[in-house]
C-alpha atoms as a PDB file:
ATOM      1  CA  MET A   1      -7.470   9.821 -24.263  1.00  0.00           C
ATOM      2  CA  LEU A   2      -9.676   7.392 -22.424  1.00  0.00           C
ATOM      3  CA  SER A   3     -10.567   4.227 -24.231  1.00  0.00           C
ATOM      4  CA  GLY A   4     -13.037   1.464 -23.612  1.00  0.00           C
ATOM      5  CA  VAL A   5     -10.640  -1.081 -25.088  1.00  0.00           C
ATOM      6  CA  PRO A   6      -7.814  -2.832 -23.233  1.00  0.00           C
ATOM      7  CA  VAL A   7      -4.853  -0.634 -24.080  1.00  0.00           C
ATOM      8  CA  ALA A   8      -2.418   0.247 -21.327  1.00  0.00           C
ATOM      9  CA  THR A   9       0.699   1.627 -22.986  1.00  0.00           C
ATOM     10  CA  GLN A  10      -0.157   5.137 -21.821  1.00  0.00           C
ATOM     11  CA  PRO A  11      -1.822   6.080 -18.525  1.00  0.00           C
ATOM     12  CA  ALA A  12      -4.760   7.742 -20.241  1.00  0.00           C
ATOM     13  CA  ASP A  13      -5.592   4.552 -22.143  1.00  0.00           C
ATOM     14  CA  LEU A  14      -7.491   2.955 -19.309  1.00  0.00           C
ATOM     15  CA  VAL A  15      -8.526  -0.656 -19.318  1.00  0.00           C
ATOM     16  CA  GLY A  16     -11.897  -1.673 -18.018  1.00  0.00           C
ATOM     17  CA  ASP A  17     -15.539  -1.528 -18.970  1.00  0.00           C
ATOM     18  CA  LEU A  18     -16.151   2.189 -18.524  1.00  0.00           C
ATOM     19  CA  PRO A  19     -19.418   3.847 -19.591  1.00  0.00           C
ATOM     20  CA  GLY A  20     -19.189   5.668 -22.915  1.00  0.00           C
ATOM     21  CA  GLU A  21     -20.706   8.812 -21.433  1.00  0.00           C
ATOM     22  CA  PHE A  22     -18.041   8.889 -18.740  1.00  0.00           C
ATOM     23  CA  ILE A  23     -15.251   8.365 -21.292  1.00  0.00           C
ATOM     24  CA  ALA A  24     -16.593  11.221 -23.434  1.00  0.00           C
ATOM     25  CA  ARG A  25     -16.800  13.502 -20.405  1.00  0.00           C
ATOM     26  CA  VAL A  26     -13.203  12.830 -19.391  1.00  0.00           C
ATOM     27  CA  ASN A  27     -11.924  13.258 -22.941  1.00  0.00           C
ATOM     28  CA  ALA A  28     -13.725  16.587 -23.290  1.00  0.00           C
ATOM     29  CA  LEU A  29     -12.096  17.833 -20.087  1.00  0.00           C
ATOM     30  CA  LEU A  30      -8.651  16.637 -21.191  1.00  0.00           C
ATOM     31  CA  ASP A  31      -9.092  18.431 -24.527  1.00  0.00           C
ATOM     32  CA  LEU A  32     -10.010  21.635 -22.714  1.00  0.00           C
ATOM     33  CA  ILE A  33      -7.028  21.292 -20.377  1.00  0.00           C
ATOM     34  CA  GLU A  34      -4.694  20.791 -23.348  1.00  0.00           C
ATOM     35  CA  GLU A  35      -6.009  23.958 -24.992  1.00  0.00           C
ATOM     36  CA  ARG A  36      -5.722  25.970 -21.791  1.00  0.00           C
ATOM     37  CA  LEU A  37      -2.219  24.614 -21.115  1.00  0.00           C
ATOM     38  CA  GLY A  38      -0.828  26.336 -24.178  1.00  0.00           C
ATOM     39  CA  GLU A  39      -2.661  29.537 -23.281  1.00  0.00           C
ATOM     40  CA  ALA A  40      -1.216  29.485 -19.760  1.00  0.00           C
ATOM     41  CA  ALA A  41       2.306  29.507 -21.198  1.00  0.00           C
ATOM     42  CA  VAL A  42       1.769  32.670 -23.251  1.00  0.00           C
ATOM     43  CA  ALA A  43       4.193  35.423 -22.180  1.00  0.00           C
ATOM     44  CA  ASP A  44       4.560  39.118 -22.966  1.00  0.00           C
ATOM     45  CA  THR A  45       6.891  38.388 -25.883  1.00  0.00           C
ATOM     46  CA  ASP A  46       6.707  35.810 -28.671  1.00  0.00           C
ATOM     47  CA  TRP A  47      10.216  34.601 -27.902  1.00  0.00           C
ATOM     48  CA  VAL A  48       9.463  33.742 -24.272  1.00  0.00           C
ATOM     49  CA  THR A  49       6.141  32.192 -25.324  1.00  0.00           C
ATOM     50  CA  GLU A  50       7.944  29.937 -27.802  1.00  0.00           C
ATOM     51  CA  ALA A  51      10.414  28.809 -25.148  1.00  0.00           C
ATOM     52  CA  ALA A  52       7.672  28.302 -22.544  1.00  0.00           C
ATOM     53  CA  GLN A  53       5.527  26.255 -24.916  1.00  0.00           C
ATOM     54  CA  HIS A  54       8.475  24.237 -26.212  1.00  0.00           C
ATOM     55  CA  THR A  55       8.171  21.270 -23.841  1.00  0.00           C
ATOM     56  CA  ILE A  56       4.375  21.483 -23.750  1.00  0.00           C
ATOM     57  CA  HIS A  57       4.186  21.149 -27.534  1.00  0.00           C
ATOM     58  CA  ALA A  58       6.541  18.164 -27.418  1.00  0.00           C
ATOM     59  CA  GLY A  59       3.607  16.247 -25.951  1.00  0.00           C
ATOM     60  CA  GLY A  60       3.437  14.031 -22.915  1.00  0.00           C
ATOM     61  CA  LYS A  61       1.256  11.588 -21.067  1.00  0.00           C
ATOM     62  CA  ARG A  62      -0.694  14.267 -19.150  1.00  0.00           C
ATOM     63  CA  PHE A  63      -0.923  11.743 -16.326  1.00  0.00           C
ATOM     64  CA  ARG A  64      -1.351  14.421 -13.668  1.00  0.00           C
ATOM     65  CA  PRO A  65      -4.260  16.233 -15.369  1.00  0.00           C
ATOM     66  CA  LEU A  66      -5.922  12.870 -15.951  1.00  0.00           C
ATOM     67  CA  LEU A  67      -5.752  12.068 -12.247  1.00  0.00           C
ATOM     68  CA  VAL A  68      -7.070  15.494 -11.277  1.00  0.00           C
ATOM     69  CA  VAL A  69     -10.038  14.926 -13.597  1.00  0.00           C
ATOM     70  CA  LEU A  70     -10.778  11.383 -12.426  1.00  0.00           C
ATOM     71  CA  ALA A  71     -10.632  12.362  -8.762  1.00  0.00           C
ATOM     72  CA  GLY A  72     -12.790  15.427  -9.461  1.00  0.00           C
ATOM     73  CA  LEU A  73     -15.417  13.269 -11.125  1.00  0.00           C
ATOM     74  CA  LEU A  74     -16.023  11.473  -7.852  1.00  0.00           C
ATOM     75  CA  ALA A  75     -18.589  14.261  -7.552  1.00  0.00           C
ATOM     76  CA  ASP A  76     -21.555  14.168  -9.898  1.00  0.00           C
ATOM     77  CA  GLU A  77     -21.237  17.831 -10.861  1.00  0.00           C
ATOM     78  CA  PRO A  78     -17.853  19.275  -9.879  1.00  0.00           C
ATOM     79  CA  ASP A  79     -16.973  22.874 -10.729  1.00  0.00           C
ATOM     80  CA  THR A  80     -15.576  22.332 -14.229  1.00  0.00           C
ATOM     81  CA  ASP A  81     -13.583  25.559 -14.328  1.00  0.00           C
ATOM     82  CA  ALA A  82     -11.976  24.841 -10.947  1.00  0.00           C
ATOM     83  CA  LEU A  83     -11.176  21.294 -12.066  1.00  0.00           C
ATOM     84  CA  VAL A  84      -9.454  22.566 -15.208  1.00  0.00           C
ATOM     85  CA  ARG A  85      -7.488  25.172 -13.235  1.00  0.00           C
ATOM     86  CA  ALA A  86      -6.404  22.517 -10.716  1.00  0.00           C
ATOM     87  CA  ALA A  87      -5.206  20.267 -13.542  1.00  0.00           C
ATOM     88  CA  LEU A  88      -3.309  23.150 -15.129  1.00  0.00           C
ATOM     89  CA  VAL A  89      -1.531  23.908 -11.846  1.00  0.00           C
ATOM     90  CA  MET A  90      -0.318  20.341 -11.585  1.00  0.00           C
ATOM     91  CA  GLU A  91       0.844  20.036 -15.197  1.00  0.00           C
ATOM     92  CA  LEU A  92       2.523  23.459 -15.260  1.00  0.00           C
ATOM     93  CA  THR A  93       4.383  22.583 -12.058  1.00  0.00           C
ATOM     94  CA  HIS A  94       5.452  19.290 -13.625  1.00  0.00           C
ATOM     95  CA  VAL A  95       6.582  20.898 -16.894  1.00  0.00           C
ATOM     96  CA  ALA A  96       8.470  23.619 -14.992  1.00  0.00           C
ATOM     97  CA  SER A  97      10.374  20.909 -13.129  1.00  0.00           C
ATOM     98  CA  LEU A  98      11.284  19.230 -16.444  1.00  0.00           C
ATOM     99  CA  TYR A  99      13.084  22.376 -17.631  1.00  0.00           C
ATOM    100  CA  HIS A 100      15.171  22.356 -14.466  1.00  0.00           C
ATOM    101  CA  ASP A 101      15.750  18.583 -14.590  1.00  0.00           C
ATOM    102  CA  ASP A 102      17.056  18.774 -18.147  1.00  0.00           C
ATOM    103  CA  VAL A 103      19.596  21.400 -17.136  1.00  0.00           C
ATOM    104  CA  MET A 104      20.819  19.349 -14.185  1.00  0.00           C
ATOM    105  CA  ASP A 105      20.948  16.160 -16.255  1.00  0.00           C
ATOM    106  CA  GLU A 106      22.538  17.929 -19.240  1.00  0.00           C
ATOM    107  CA  ALA A 107      19.826  16.258 -21.308  1.00  0.00           C
ATOM    108  CA  GLU A 108      19.703  16.813 -25.059  1.00  0.00           C
ATOM    109  CA  LEU A 109      16.346  15.264 -25.951  1.00  0.00           C
ATOM    110  CA  ARG A 110      12.946  15.057 -24.304  1.00  0.00           C
ATOM    111  CA  ARG A 111      10.085  13.214 -25.994  1.00  0.00           C
ATOM    112  CA  GLY A 112      12.146  13.070 -29.163  1.00  0.00           C
ATOM    113  CA  ALA A 113      12.657  16.836 -29.382  1.00  0.00           C
ATOM    114  CA  PRO A 114      15.702  18.924 -28.412  1.00  0.00           C
ATOM    115  CA  THR A 115      15.475  20.129 -24.821  1.00  0.00           C
ATOM    116  CA  ALA A 116      15.176  23.847 -24.111  1.00  0.00           C
ATOM    117  CA  ASN A 117      18.691  23.934 -22.672  1.00  0.00           C
ATOM    118  CA  ARG A 118      20.034  22.464 -25.898  1.00  0.00           C
ATOM    119  CA  ARG A 119      17.960  24.650 -28.218  1.00  0.00           C
ATOM    120  CA  TRP A 120      18.748  27.832 -26.272  1.00  0.00           C
ATOM    121  CA  ASP A 121      20.968  27.495 -23.186  1.00  0.00           C
ATOM    122  CA  ASN A 122      20.866  26.555 -19.509  1.00  0.00           C
ATOM    123  CA  THR A 123      20.042  30.057 -18.306  1.00  0.00           C
ATOM    124  CA  VAL A 124      17.035  30.331 -20.613  1.00  0.00           C
ATOM    125  CA  ALA A 125      15.804  26.870 -19.600  1.00  0.00           C
ATOM    126  CA  ILE A 126      16.048  27.683 -15.882  1.00  0.00           C
ATOM    127  CA  LEU A 127      14.275  31.016 -16.262  1.00  0.00           C
ATOM    128  CA  VAL A 128      11.517  29.506 -18.411  1.00  0.00           C
ATOM    129  CA  GLY A 129      10.977  26.857 -15.750  1.00  0.00           C
ATOM    130  CA  ASP A 130      10.667  29.667 -13.205  1.00  0.00           C
ATOM    131  CA  PHE A 131       8.186  31.447 -15.479  1.00  0.00           C
ATOM    132  CA  LEU A 132       5.981  28.359 -15.754  1.00  0.00           C
ATOM    133  CA  PHE A 133       6.070  27.826 -12.009  1.00  0.00           C
ATOM    134  CA  ALA A 134       4.996  31.450 -11.577  1.00  0.00           C
ATOM    135  CA  ARG A 135       2.078  30.780 -13.938  1.00  0.00           C
ATOM    136  CA  ALA A 136       1.115  27.755 -11.840  1.00  0.00           C
ATOM    137  CA  SER A 137       1.325  29.880  -8.687  1.00  0.00           C
ATOM    138  CA  SER A 138      -0.980  32.504 -10.169  1.00  0.00           C
ATOM    139  CA  LEU A 139      -3.535  29.872 -11.073  1.00  0.00           C
ATOM    140  CA  VAL A 140      -3.427  28.065  -7.744  1.00  0.00           C
ATOM    141  CA  ALA A 141      -4.058  31.358  -5.941  1.00  0.00           C
ATOM    142  CA  THR A 142      -7.478  31.485  -7.630  1.00  0.00           C
ATOM    143  CA  LEU A 143      -8.416  28.148  -6.052  1.00  0.00           C
ATOM    144  CA  GLY A 144      -7.843  29.058  -2.407  1.00  0.00           C
ATOM    145  CA  THR A 145      -5.301  28.905   0.383  1.00  0.00           C
ATOM    146  CA  ASP A 146      -5.625  25.150   0.946  1.00  0.00           C
ATOM    147  CA  TYR A 147      -4.587  24.561  -2.658  1.00  0.00           C
ATOM    148  CA  VAL A 148      -1.727  27.064  -2.355  1.00  0.00           C
ATOM    149  CA  ARG A 149      -0.426  25.319   0.749  1.00  0.00           C
ATOM    150  CA  LEU A 150      -0.554  21.877  -0.842  1.00  0.00           C
ATOM    151  CA  GLN A 151       1.187  23.041  -4.007  1.00  0.00           C
ATOM    152  CA  ALA A 152       3.930  24.761  -1.987  1.00  0.00           C
ATOM    153  CA  ASP A 153       4.482  21.689   0.204  1.00  0.00           C
ATOM    154  CA  THR A 154       4.537  19.477  -2.874  1.00  0.00           C
ATOM    155  CA  PHE A 155       7.054  21.656  -4.678  1.00  0.00           C
ATOM    156  CA  ALA A 156       9.258  21.638  -1.571  1.00  0.00           C
ATOM    157  CA  ARG A 157       9.239  17.828  -1.620  1.00  0.00           C
ATOM    158  CA  LEU A 158       9.971  17.750  -5.324  1.00  0.00           C
ATOM    159  CA  VAL A 159      12.988  20.031  -4.891  1.00  0.00           C
ATOM    160  CA  GLN A 160      14.250  18.047  -1.904  1.00  0.00           C
ATOM    161  CA  GLY A 161      13.992  14.893  -4.002  1.00  0.00           C
ATOM    162  CA  GLN A 162      16.086  16.517  -6.719  1.00  0.00           C
ATOM    163  CA  ILE A 163      18.661  17.595  -4.134  1.00  0.00           C
ATOM    164  CA  ALA A 164      18.806  14.068  -2.697  1.00  0.00           C
ATOM    165  CA  GLU A 165      19.263  12.621  -6.179  1.00  0.00           C
ATOM    166  CA  THR A 166      22.062  15.096  -6.879  1.00  0.00           C
ATOM    167  CA  ARG A 167      23.982  14.573  -3.642  1.00  0.00           C
ATOM    168  CA  GLY A 168      23.644  10.792  -3.712  1.00  0.00           C
ATOM    169  CA  PRO A 169      22.713   8.306  -1.017  1.00  0.00           C
ATOM    170  CA  LEU A 170      25.328   9.303   1.587  1.00  0.00           C
ATOM    171  CA  ASP A 171      24.661   6.838   4.427  1.00  0.00           C
ATOM    172  CA  ALA A 172      21.435   5.416   2.981  1.00  0.00           C
ATOM    173  CA  GLU A 173      21.240   2.093   1.169  1.00  0.00           C
ATOM    174  CA  LEU A 174      21.192   2.606  -2.608  1.00  0.00           C
ATOM    175  CA  LEU A 175      17.759   1.103  -3.245  1.00  0.00           C
ATOM    176  CA  ASP A 176      16.127   2.830  -0.261  1.00  0.00           C
ATOM    177  CA  HIS A 177      17.597   6.140  -1.386  1.00  0.00           C
ATOM    178  CA  TYR A 178      16.353   5.618  -4.935  1.00  0.00           C
ATOM    179  CA  LEU A 179      12.809   4.773  -3.855  1.00  0.00           C
ATOM    180  CA  GLN A 180      12.677   7.864  -1.625  1.00  0.00           C
ATOM    181  CA  VAL A 181      13.842  10.048  -4.509  1.00  0.00           C
ATOM    182  CA  VAL A 182      11.131   8.562  -6.736  1.00  0.00           C
ATOM    183  CA  ALA A 183       8.510   9.191  -4.055  1.00  0.00           C
ATOM    184  CA  ASP A 184       9.626  12.812  -3.628  1.00  0.00           C
ATOM    185  CA  LYS A 185      10.166  13.682  -7.297  1.00  0.00           C
ATOM    186  CA  THR A 186       7.302  11.738  -8.860  1.00  0.00           C
ATOM    187  CA  GLY A 187       4.934  10.403  -6.202  1.00  0.00           C
ATOM    188  CA  SER A 188       4.472  13.736  -4.434  1.00  0.00           C
ATOM    189  CA  LEU A 189       3.132  15.622  -7.453  1.00  0.00           C
ATOM    190  CA  ILE A 190       0.843  12.780  -8.480  1.00  0.00           C
ATOM    191  CA  ALA A 191      -0.470  12.553  -4.913  1.00  0.00           C
ATOM    192  CA  ALA A 192      -1.181  16.286  -5.060  1.00  0.00           C
ATOM    193  CA  SER A 193      -2.996  15.759  -8.376  1.00  0.00           C
ATOM    194  CA  THR A 194      -5.446  13.224  -6.963  1.00  0.00           C
ATOM    195  CA  THR A 195      -5.868  15.363  -3.846  1.00  0.00           C
ATOM    196  CA  PHE A 196      -6.577  18.501  -5.903  1.00  0.00           C
ATOM    197  CA  GLY A 197      -9.275  16.650  -7.825  1.00  0.00           C
ATOM    198  CA  GLY A 198     -10.798  15.400  -4.600  1.00  0.00           C
ATOM    199  CA  MET A 199     -10.782  18.905  -3.142  1.00  0.00           C
ATOM    200  CA  VAL A 200     -12.669  20.238  -6.172  1.00  0.00           C
ATOM    201  CA  ALA A 201     -15.134  17.363  -5.720  1.00  0.00           C
ATOM    202  CA  GLY A 202     -15.700  18.366  -2.099  1.00  0.00           C
ATOM    203  CA  ALA A 203     -14.465  14.997  -0.839  1.00  0.00           C
ATOM    204  CA  SER A 204     -14.367  14.181   2.870  1.00  0.00           C
ATOM    205  CA  PRO A 205     -11.049  14.200   4.782  1.00  0.00           C
ATOM    206  CA  GLU A 206     -11.081  10.384   4.736  1.00  0.00           C
ATOM    207  CA  VAL A 207     -11.424  10.284   0.950  1.00  0.00           C
ATOM    208  CA  LEU A 208      -8.798  13.016   0.474  1.00  0.00           C
ATOM    209  CA  ALA A 209      -6.328  11.019   2.573  1.00  0.00           C
ATOM    210  CA  ALA A 210      -7.113   7.899   0.527  1.00  0.00           C
ATOM    211  CA  LEU A 211      -6.619   9.798  -2.746  1.00  0.00           C
ATOM    212  CA  ALA A 212      -3.268  11.167  -1.562  1.00  0.00           C
ATOM    213  CA  ALA A 213      -2.043   7.710  -0.530  1.00  0.00           C
ATOM    214  CA  TYR A 214      -3.257   6.204  -3.801  1.00  0.00           C
ATOM    215  CA  GLY A 215      -1.656   8.973  -5.869  1.00  0.00           C
ATOM    216  CA  GLU A 216       1.734   8.653  -4.215  1.00  0.00           C
ATOM    217  CA  GLU A 217       1.766   4.882  -4.649  1.00  0.00           C
ATOM    218  CA  ILE A 218       0.565   4.866  -8.250  1.00  0.00           C
ATOM    219  CA  GLY A 219       3.096   7.589  -9.065  1.00  0.00           C
ATOM    220  CA  VAL A 220       5.955   5.484  -7.737  1.00  0.00           C
ATOM    221  CA  VAL A 221       4.616   2.431  -9.566  1.00  0.00           C
ATOM    222  CA  PHE A 222       4.430   4.322 -12.844  1.00  0.00           C
ATOM    223  CA  GLN A 223       8.076   5.390 -12.534  1.00  0.00           C
ATOM    224  CA  LEU A 224       9.154   1.858 -11.651  1.00  0.00           C
ATOM    225  CA  SER A 225       7.325   0.529 -14.706  1.00  0.00           C
ATOM    226  CA  ASP A 226       9.352   3.006 -16.792  1.00  0.00           C
ATOM    227  CA  ASP A 227      12.463   1.426 -15.287  1.00  0.00           C
ATOM    228  CA  ILE A 228      11.500  -1.959 -16.691  1.00  0.00           C
ATOM    229  CA  ILE A 229      10.522  -0.506 -20.062  1.00  0.00           C
ATOM    230  CA  ASP A 230      14.035   0.926 -20.372  1.00  0.00           C
ATOM    231  CA  ILE A 231      15.457  -2.579 -20.033  1.00  0.00           C
ATOM    232  CA  ALA A 232      12.873  -4.903 -21.493  1.00  0.00           C
ATOM    233  CA  SER A 233      10.869  -3.144 -24.183  1.00  0.00           C
ATOM    234  CA  ASP A 234      11.642  -2.695 -27.866  1.00  0.00           C
ATOM    235  CA  SER A 235       8.237  -1.230 -28.720  1.00  0.00           C
ATOM    236  CA  SER A 236       7.597   1.529 -26.181  1.00  0.00           C
ATOM    237  CA  GLY A 237       8.726   4.396 -28.385  1.00  0.00           C
ATOM    238  CA  LYS A 238      11.729   4.863 -26.095  1.00  0.00           C
ATOM    239  CA  THR A 239      15.151   3.600 -27.159  1.00  0.00           C
ATOM    240  CA  PRO A 240      15.945   0.571 -24.964  1.00  0.00           C
ATOM    241  CA  GLY A 241      18.868   1.048 -22.606  1.00  0.00           C
ATOM    242  CA  THR A 242      18.746   4.861 -22.516  1.00  0.00           C
ATOM    243  CA  ASP A 243      18.968   4.947 -18.715  1.00  0.00           C
ATOM    244  CA  LEU A 244      21.353   1.993 -18.688  1.00  0.00           C
ATOM    245  CA  ARG A 245      23.766   3.751 -21.030  1.00  0.00           C
ATOM    246  CA  ALA A 246      23.571   6.979 -19.016  1.00  0.00           C
ATOM    247  CA  GLY A 247      24.227   5.152 -15.751  1.00  0.00           C
ATOM    248  CA  VAL A 248      20.883   6.257 -14.325  1.00  0.00           C
ATOM    249  CA  PRO A 249      19.854   4.034 -11.371  1.00  0.00           C
ATOM    250  CA  THR A 250      16.701   1.991 -11.959  1.00  0.00           C
ATOM    251  CA  LEU A 251      14.931  -0.674  -9.933  1.00  0.00           C
ATOM    252  CA  PRO A 252      16.205  -3.641 -12.045  1.00  0.00           C
ATOM    253  CA  THR A 253      19.833  -2.462 -12.042  1.00  0.00           C
ATOM    254  CA  LEU A 254      19.818  -1.690  -8.319  1.00  0.00           C
ATOM    255  CA  LEU A 255      18.415  -5.152  -7.571  1.00  0.00           C
ATOM    256  CA  ALA A 256      21.009  -6.715  -9.878  1.00  0.00           C
ATOM    257  CA  ARG A 257      23.771  -4.918  -8.003  1.00  0.00           C
ATOM    258  CA  ARG A 258      22.773  -6.783  -4.861  1.00  0.00           C
ATOM    259  CA  SER A 259      23.815 -10.070  -6.481  1.00  0.00           C
ATOM    260  CA  THR A 260      26.720 -12.021  -5.001  1.00  0.00           C
ATOM    261  CA  ASP A 261      26.526 -14.739  -7.661  1.00  0.00           C
ATOM    262  CA  PRO A 262      29.909 -15.100  -9.455  1.00  0.00           C
ATOM    263  CA  ALA A 263      27.957 -15.711 -12.673  1.00  0.00           C
ATOM    264  CA  ASP A 264      26.865 -12.053 -12.557  1.00  0.00           C
ATOM    265  CA  ALA A 265      30.434 -10.718 -12.542  1.00  0.00           C
ATOM    266  CA  ARG A 266      30.316  -9.657 -16.197  1.00  0.00           C
ATOM    267  CA  LEU A 267      26.975  -7.881 -15.771  1.00  0.00           C
ATOM    268  CA  LEU A 268      28.152  -6.034 -12.680  1.00  0.00           C
ATOM    269  CA  ALA A 269      31.309  -4.967 -14.524  1.00  0.00           C
ATOM    270  CA  LEU A 270      29.232  -3.626 -17.410  1.00  0.00           C
ATOM    271  CA  LEU A 271      26.946  -1.705 -15.048  1.00  0.00           C
ATOM    272  CA  ASP A 272      30.037   0.181 -13.868  1.00  0.00           C
ATOM    273  CA  ALA A 273      31.492   0.566 -17.364  1.00  0.00           C
ATOM    274  CA  ASP A 274      31.215   3.092 -20.177  1.00  0.00           C
ATOM    275  CA  LEU A 275      28.334   1.818 -22.328  1.00  0.00           C
ATOM    276  CA  SER A 276      28.679   4.367 -25.105  1.00  0.00           C
ATOM    277  CA  ALA A 277      29.626   1.603 -27.557  1.00  0.00           C
ATOM    278  CA  ASP A 278      26.548  -0.084 -29.064  1.00  0.00           C
ATOM    279  CA  ASP A 279      28.012  -3.576 -28.657  1.00  0.00           C
ATOM    280  CA  ASP A 280      28.646  -3.062 -24.936  1.00  0.00           C
ATOM    281  CA  LEU A 281      25.147  -1.672 -24.435  1.00  0.00           C
ATOM    282  CA  ALA A 282      23.610  -4.599 -26.323  1.00  0.00           C
ATOM    283  CA  GLU A 283      25.526  -7.055 -24.159  1.00  0.00           C
ATOM    284  CA  ALA A 284      24.448  -5.301 -20.966  1.00  0.00           C
ATOM    285  CA  LEU A 285      20.831  -5.257 -22.120  1.00  0.00           C
ATOM    286  CA  GLY A 286      20.930  -8.967 -22.945  1.00  0.00           C
ATOM    287  CA  LEU A 287      22.347  -9.843 -19.539  1.00  0.00           C
ATOM    288  CA  MET A 288      19.867  -7.602 -17.735  1.00  0.00           C
ATOM    289  CA  ARG A 289      16.889  -9.055 -19.619  1.00  0.00           C
ATOM    290  CA  ALA A 290      17.919 -12.549 -18.559  1.00  0.00           C
ATOM    291  CA  HIS A 291      18.597 -11.552 -14.949  1.00  0.00           C
ATOM    292  CA  PRO A 292      16.138 -12.393 -12.124  1.00  0.00           C
ATOM    293  CA  SER A 293      16.093  -8.722 -11.113  1.00  0.00           C
ATOM    294  CA  VAL A 294      13.661  -7.955 -13.960  1.00  0.00           C
ATOM    295  CA  ALA A 295      11.144 -10.503 -12.695  1.00  0.00           C
ATOM    296  CA  GLN A 296      11.696  -9.226  -9.151  1.00  0.00           C
ATOM    297  CA  SER A 297      11.001  -5.690 -10.347  1.00  0.00           C
ATOM    298  CA  ARG A 298       7.782  -6.758 -12.048  1.00  0.00           C
ATOM    299  CA  GLU A 299       6.671  -8.459  -8.857  1.00  0.00           C
ATOM    300  CA  GLU A 300       7.386  -5.292  -6.872  1.00  0.00           C
ATOM    301  CA  ILE A 301       5.296  -3.300  -9.351  1.00  0.00           C
ATOM    302  CA  ARG A 302       2.401  -5.757  -8.974  1.00  0.00           C
ATOM    303  CA  ARG A 303       2.672  -5.572  -5.195  1.00  0.00           C
ATOM    304  CA  ARG A 304       2.693  -1.789  -5.128  1.00  0.00           C
ATOM    305  CA  ALA A 305      -0.153  -1.554  -7.649  1.00  0.00           C
ATOM    306  CA  GLU A 306      -2.300  -3.664  -5.332  1.00  0.00           C
ATOM    307  CA  VAL A 307      -1.351  -1.414  -2.417  1.00  0.00           C
ATOM    308  CA  ALA A 308      -2.508   1.562  -4.502  1.00  0.00           C
ATOM    309  CA  ARG A 309      -5.781  -0.201  -5.351  1.00  0.00           C
ATOM    310  CA  ALA A 310      -6.433  -0.946  -1.678  1.00  0.00           C
ATOM    311  CA  HIS A 311      -6.170   2.773  -0.869  1.00  0.00           C
ATOM    312  CA  LEU A 312      -9.280   3.352  -3.011  1.00  0.00           C
ATOM    313  CA  ALA A 313     -11.572   1.468  -0.635  1.00  0.00           C
ATOM    314  CA  PRO A 314     -13.113   4.592   1.019  1.00  0.00           C
ATOM    315  CA  LEU A 315     -14.012   6.194  -2.328  1.00  0.00           C
ATOM    316  CA  PRO A 316     -17.656   6.254  -3.427  1.00  0.00           C
ATOM    317  CA  GLU A 317     -18.581   3.628  -5.998  1.00  0.00           C
ATOM    318  CA  GLY A 318     -18.869   4.756  -9.602  1.00  0.00           C
ATOM    319  CA  PRO A 319     -16.981   5.090 -12.884  1.00  0.00           C
ATOM    320  CA  ALA A 320     -14.372   7.487 -11.456  1.00  0.00           C
ATOM    321  CA  LYS A 321     -13.348   4.968  -8.806  1.00  0.00           C
ATOM    322  CA  ASP A 322     -13.391   2.205 -11.433  1.00  0.00           C
ATOM    323  CA  ALA A 323     -11.118   4.265 -13.695  1.00  0.00           C
ATOM    324  CA  LEU A 324      -8.641   4.921 -10.889  1.00  0.00           C
ATOM    325  CA  ALA A 325      -8.592   1.197 -10.098  1.00  0.00           C
ATOM    326  CA  ALA A 326      -8.061   0.416 -13.788  1.00  0.00           C
ATOM    327  CA  LEU A 327      -4.876   2.464 -13.732  1.00  0.00           C
ATOM    328  CA  CYS A 328      -3.449  -0.091 -11.311  1.00  0.00           C
ATOM    329  CA  ASP A 329      -3.906  -2.761 -13.982  1.00  0.00           C
ATOM    330  CA  GLY A 330      -2.568  -0.410 -16.642  1.00  0.00           C
ATOM    331  CA  VAL A 331       0.784   0.167 -14.954  1.00  0.00           C
ATOM    332  CA  ILE A 332       1.206  -3.584 -14.510  1.00  0.00           C
ATOM    333  CA  SER A 333       0.406  -4.231 -18.173  1.00  0.00           C
ATOM    334  CA  ARG A 334       2.778  -1.586 -19.530  1.00  0.00           C
ATOM    335  CA  SER A 335       5.744  -3.221 -17.781  1.00  0.00           C
ATOM    336  CA  ALA A 336       4.790  -6.826 -18.608  1.00  0.00           C
END
């Protein structure tokens, strides 16, 4: 939920001096969206409902609904029902993609709970993801053709990002390939979230373009901050080194791989090694935490957060714009 205090460990805990009335309004909308999210996943049978609500009930940051709401509140009196439906479309699309991601990644846990593919099987997880996407499609159809087109284009980008991640970089440079995958898989849906909110608010084409650019950038920044948390944090609620152990590319490890310093030979060997043993993982984490690539990653996050903030210039002044700007500080703080 929104907070008036400086907490930035989750995207909804915005920093900044935001009016209490505005905070209460956003929190009320987020509560309503959370209630409606479970309802949207109800199927014709209890068994399918349980599977469809499995990942939803595991929790999550609800970053996309938050951005829909904040962008929608650029208008003094947006259509509340349309704003909620727009937020549901974005979150259902996101959750649907998580079911498919977990199958492709052979993941066993998500947010501390067994994944659907582990609890049931891959076929069930894929079909439940399809079911949730169908629910999102039904909802977006009630908003209008412009919303349908944007959701379809966004989902196409998301899928292409997953394909690119699966096939690997081919002729592209590793870091460039990784950043494009992040933009397609994460940035695209967050850009659609801010755009959806702006559309509900009746924003001008200039403001909608600014919201889309901001959303894509802040989405990439949020993912990159997760990359640092995997290496540097012991208090994020996520086990440090999860991505490192799994061999998942992240910004710090990709920057470290560019090193030609002989002193980094052991680190580079570990990055290519099996880190299933706790001692090997601990050594790799220690070397990564001391490596300049972590500071370089933090600097890249700061740079991109300021780019995102600059995109907000055309937005009308008010608490919604202030809250969106505060997210730029929040993503920097969570990776500090």
